[in-house]
């Protein structure tokens, strides 16, 4: 399926395609990531935002502290 047809299909289904991860974090109530957060994404979390991801908190306790700061709900 051409990219334009795919974009049309997702828009009709109610999805919005955004240009950057920054736009996604800024406008989403819930962020679902297949991988753990990247350092550049830690500061983009905000209060009452839901994060569903696979964090590796045991070897990276700093990431656990960062997840607590903004008051988001993080689900592993």
Protein backbone atom coordinates (compact mmCIF):
# COMPACT_ATOMS: atom_id res chain seq x y z
CA UNK A 1 0.00 0.00 0.00
CA UNK A 2 1.48 3.40 -0.90
CA UNK A 3 2.32 5.67 2.03
CA UNK A 4 -0.40 8.16 1.04
CA UNK A 5 -3.05 5.40 0.97
CA UNK A 6 -1.90 4.17 4.38
CA UNK A 7 -2.11 7.69 5.81
CA UNK A 8 -5.59 8.11 4.36
CA UNK A 9 -6.74 4.80 5.87
CA UNK A 10 -5.42 5.61 9.36
CA UNK A 11 -6.95 9.09 9.27
CA UNK A 12 -10.35 7.63 8.36
CA UNK A 13 -9.97 5.19 11.26
CA UNK A 14 -9.47 8.08 13.67
CA UNK A 15 -5.68 8.12 13.94
CA UNK A 16 -3.51 11.19 13.59
CA UNK A 17 -0.02 10.85 12.15
CA UNK A 18 2.44 13.18 13.88
CA UNK A 19 5.87 14.25 12.71
CA UNK A 20 7.98 13.62 15.82
CA UNK A 21 8.17 11.85 19.15
CA UNK A 22 8.06 15.28 20.78
CA UNK A 23 4.65 15.93 19.14
CA UNK A 24 3.40 12.54 20.31
CA UNK A 25 4.44 13.07 23.95
CA UNK A 26 3.01 16.60 23.96
CA UNK A 27 -0.42 15.65 22.63
CA UNK A 28 -1.07 12.13 23.96
CA UNK A 29 -2.78 11.03 27.14
CA UNK A 30 -1.23 7.56 26.75
CA UNK A 31 2.06 6.61 25.12
CA UNK A 32 2.66 2.96 24.23
CA UNK A 33 6.25 2.05 23.43
CA UNK A 34 7.60 -1.33 22.45
CA UNK A 35 11.02 -0.46 23.86
CA UNK A 36 12.21 1.39 26.97
CA UNK A 37 12.28 5.18 27.04
CA UNK A 38 15.26 6.91 25.49
CA UNK A 39 17.10 9.60 27.46
CA UNK A 40 15.64 12.29 25.19
CA UNK A 41 12.10 11.11 26.04
CA UNK A 42 12.44 11.16 29.84
CA UNK A 43 11.89 14.91 30.08
CA UNK A 44 8.83 14.81 27.83
CA UNK A 45 6.66 12.89 30.30
CA UNK A 46 4.05 14.96 32.10
CA UNK A 47 1.62 14.71 34.98
CA UNK A 48 -1.37 12.39 34.44
CA UNK A 49 0.13 10.93 31.25
CA UNK A 50 0.06 7.13 31.01
CA UNK A 51 3.18 5.35 29.78
CA UNK A 52 2.95 1.68 28.78
CA UNK A 53 6.40 0.31 28.00
CA UNK A 54 9.05 -2.25 28.93
CA UNK A 55 11.42 -0.34 31.22
CA UNK A 56 14.60 -1.97 32.49
CA UNK A 57 14.59 -0.38 35.93
CA UNK A 58 16.80 -2.80 37.88
CA UNK A 59 20.01 -2.01 35.97
CA UNK A 60 18.96 1.63 35.56
CA UNK A 61 17.60 3.03 38.85
CA UNK A 62 17.94 6.58 37.49
CA UNK A 63 15.17 5.79 35.01
CA UNK A 64 12.89 4.78 37.91
CA UNK A 65 13.53 8.13 39.60
CA UNK A 66 12.80 9.97 36.36
CA UNK A 67 9.49 8.14 35.95
CA UNK A 68 8.38 9.29 39.41
CA UNK A 69 9.14 13.00 38.86
CA UNK A 70 6.41 14.16 36.45
CA UNK A 71 3.57 12.28 38.17
CA UNK A 72 2.83 10.06 35.19
CA UNK A 73 1.44 6.53 35.48
CA UNK A 74 4.00 4.04 34.16
CA UNK A 75 2.86 0.49 33.39
CA UNK A 76 5.36 -2.23 32.59
